[in-house]
Amino acid sequence: MTIATWVLAHQGGWDEMLLVGAPVVLLVLLLRLANSRAAARQDDDTDAEHR
């Protein structure tokens, strides 16, 4: 049995949760980063208009 086969074998469900959960968590983190950057840029633009 190869290592890849052993790792991808059924492990009671936790491995399937990682296969789904990891990309979801990554997507949430990237969206939060994008939103914070967009908010910061909008605040900078608003401050520049008031000068």
N, C-alpha and C. Protein backbone atom coordinates (compact mmCIF):
# COMPACT_ATOMS: atom_id res chain seq x y z
N MET A 1 0.85 -1.17 0.00
CA MET A 1 0.00 0.00 0.00
C MET A 1 0.90 1.25 0.00
N THR A 2 0.63 2.16 -0.92
CA THR A 2 1.43 3.38 -0.99
C THR A 2 0.95 4.40 0.04
N ILE A 3 1.77 5.38 0.27
CA ILE A 3 1.41 6.43 1.23
C ILE A 3 0.17 7.18 0.77
N ALA A 4 0.09 7.50 -0.54
CA ALA A 4 -1.07 8.23 -1.05
C ALA A 4 -2.35 7.43 -0.85
N THR A 5 -2.29 6.13 -1.09
CA THR A 5 -3.47 5.29 -0.88
C THR A 5 -3.85 5.27 0.59
N TRP A 6 -2.88 5.18 1.45
CA TRP A 6 -3.15 5.15 2.88
C TRP A 6 -3.75 6.47 3.35
N VAL A 7 -3.23 7.59 2.85
CA VAL A 7 -3.72 8.90 3.26
C VAL A 7 -5.13 9.14 2.75
N LEU A 8 -5.40 8.70 1.53
CA LEU A 8 -6.72 8.95 0.93
C LEU A 8 -7.74 7.88 1.27
N ALA A 9 -7.35 6.86 1.99
CA ALA A 9 -8.30 5.83 2.40
C ALA A 9 -9.28 6.43 3.40
N HIS A 10 -10.42 5.80 3.53
CA HIS A 10 -11.45 6.32 4.44
C HIS A 10 -10.93 6.35 5.87
N GLN A 11 -11.01 7.53 6.47
CA GLN A 11 -10.47 7.74 7.81
C GLN A 11 -11.56 8.09 8.83
N GLY A 12 -12.78 7.73 8.56
CA GLY A 12 -13.84 8.01 9.51
C GLY A 12 -14.53 9.34 9.30
N GLY A 13 -14.26 10.01 8.22
CA GLY A 13 -14.96 11.25 7.89
C GLY A 13 -14.15 12.51 8.06
N TRP A 14 -13.12 12.50 8.91
CA TRP A 14 -12.38 13.75 9.14
C TRP A 14 -11.63 14.19 7.90
N ASP A 15 -11.17 13.23 7.09
CA ASP A 15 -10.43 13.61 5.89
C ASP A 15 -11.34 14.24 4.86
N GLU A 16 -12.58 13.74 4.76
CA GLU A 16 -13.53 14.36 3.84
C GLU A 16 -13.90 15.77 4.29
N MET A 17 -14.00 15.95 5.61
CA MET A 17 -14.30 17.29 6.12
C MET A 17 -13.16 18.25 5.78
N LEU A 18 -11.92 17.78 5.84
CA LEU A 18 -10.79 18.64 5.48
C LEU A 18 -10.81 18.99 3.99
N LEU A 19 -11.17 18.01 3.16
CA LEU A 19 -11.20 18.26 1.72
C LEU A 19 -12.24 19.31 1.35
N VAL A 20 -13.30 19.40 2.12
CA VAL A 20 -14.33 20.40 1.87
C VAL A 20 -14.07 21.66 2.68
N GLY A 21 -13.68 21.48 3.94
CA GLY A 21 -13.55 22.61 4.84
C GLY A 21 -12.37 23.52 4.55
N ALA A 22 -11.25 22.94 4.15
CA ALA A 22 -10.05 23.76 3.90
C ALA A 22 -10.28 24.79 2.80
N PRO A 23 -10.83 24.42 1.64
CA PRO A 23 -11.09 25.45 0.63
C PRO A 23 -12.11 26.48 1.07
N VAL A 24 -13.11 26.07 1.84
CA VAL A 24 -14.11 27.01 2.33
C VAL A 24 -13.47 28.02 3.27
N VAL A 25 -12.64 27.55 4.17
CA VAL A 25 -11.95 28.45 5.10
C VAL A 25 -11.03 29.40 4.33
N LEU A 26 -10.32 28.88 3.35
CA LEU A 26 -9.44 29.71 2.54
C LEU A 26 -10.24 30.78 1.80
N LEU A 27 -11.39 30.41 1.27
CA LEU A 27 -12.23 31.38 0.56
C LEU A 27 -12.73 32.46 1.51
N VAL A 28 -13.14 32.08 2.71
CA VAL A 28 -13.62 33.06 3.69
C VAL A 28 -12.50 34.03 4.05
N LEU A 29 -11.30 33.50 4.28
CA LEU A 29 -10.17 34.37 4.62
C LEU A 29 -9.84 35.33 3.48
N LEU A 30 -9.85 34.84 2.25
CA LEU A 30 -9.57 35.71 1.11
C LEU A 30 -10.64 36.78 0.93
N LEU A 31 -11.90 36.43 1.16
CA LEU A 31 -12.98 37.42 1.05
C LEU A 31 -12.86 38.48 2.14
N ARG A 32 -12.51 38.07 3.36
CA ARG A 32 -12.31 39.05 4.43
C ARG A 32 -11.16 40.00 4.11
N LEU A 33 -10.08 39.45 3.57
CA LEU A 33 -8.95 40.28 3.19
C LEU A 33 -9.35 41.27 2.10
N ALA A 34 -10.07 40.79 1.10
CA ALA A 34 -10.51 41.67 0.02
C ALA A 34 -11.44 42.76 0.53
N ASN A 35 -12.35 42.39 1.43
CA ASN A 35 -13.28 43.39 1.98
C ASN A 35 -12.55 44.43 2.82
N SER A 36 -11.57 43.99 3.59
CA SER A 36 -10.85 44.97 4.41
C SER A 36 -10.02 45.90 3.53
N ARG A 37 -9.44 45.36 2.48
CA ARG A 37 -8.68 46.23 1.56
C ARG A 37 -9.60 47.20 0.84
N ALA A 38 -10.78 46.73 0.43
CA ALA A 38 -11.73 47.60 -0.25
C ALA A 38 -12.21 48.70 0.69
N ALA A 39 -12.47 48.35 1.94
CA ALA A 39 -12.92 49.35 2.91
C ALA A 39 -11.83 50.38 3.17
N ALA A 40 -10.60 49.92 3.27
CA ALA A 40 -9.49 50.84 3.49
C ALA A 40 -9.32 51.78 2.30
N ARG A 41 -9.45 51.25 1.11
CA ARG A 41 -9.32 52.08 -0.09
C ARG A 41 -10.47 53.09 -0.16
N GLN A 42 -11.67 52.66 0.21
CA GLN A 42 -12.81 53.57 0.19
C GLN A 42 -12.62 54.68 1.23
N ASP A 43 -12.11 54.33 2.40
CA ASP A 43 -11.83 55.35 3.42
C ASP A 43 -10.79 56.33 2.92
N ASP A 44 -9.75 55.85 2.23
CA ASP A 44 -8.73 56.74 1.68
C ASP A 44 -9.31 57.67 0.64
N ASP A 45 -10.20 57.14 -0.21
CA ASP A 45 -10.83 57.97 -1.24
C ASP A 45 -11.73 59.02 -0.60
N THR A 46 -12.45 58.65 0.44
CA THR A 46 -13.34 59.59 1.13
C THR A 46 -12.52 60.69 1.80
N ASP A 47 -11.42 60.34 2.42
CA ASP A 47 -10.55 61.34 3.05
C ASP A 47 -9.96 62.28 2.03
N ALA A 48 -9.62 61.78 0.86
CA ALA A 48 -9.03 62.60 -0.19
C ALA A 48 -10.07 63.60 -0.73
N GLU A 49 -11.34 63.22 -0.76
CA GLU A 49 -12.40 64.12 -1.26
C GLU A 49 -12.64 65.27 -0.30
N HIS A 50 -12.43 65.06 1.00
CA HIS A 50 -12.72 66.08 1.99
C HIS A 50 -11.57 67.07 2.17
N ARG A 51 -10.48 66.87 1.50
CA ARG A 51 -9.34 67.77 1.64
C ARG A 51 -9.46 68.96 0.76
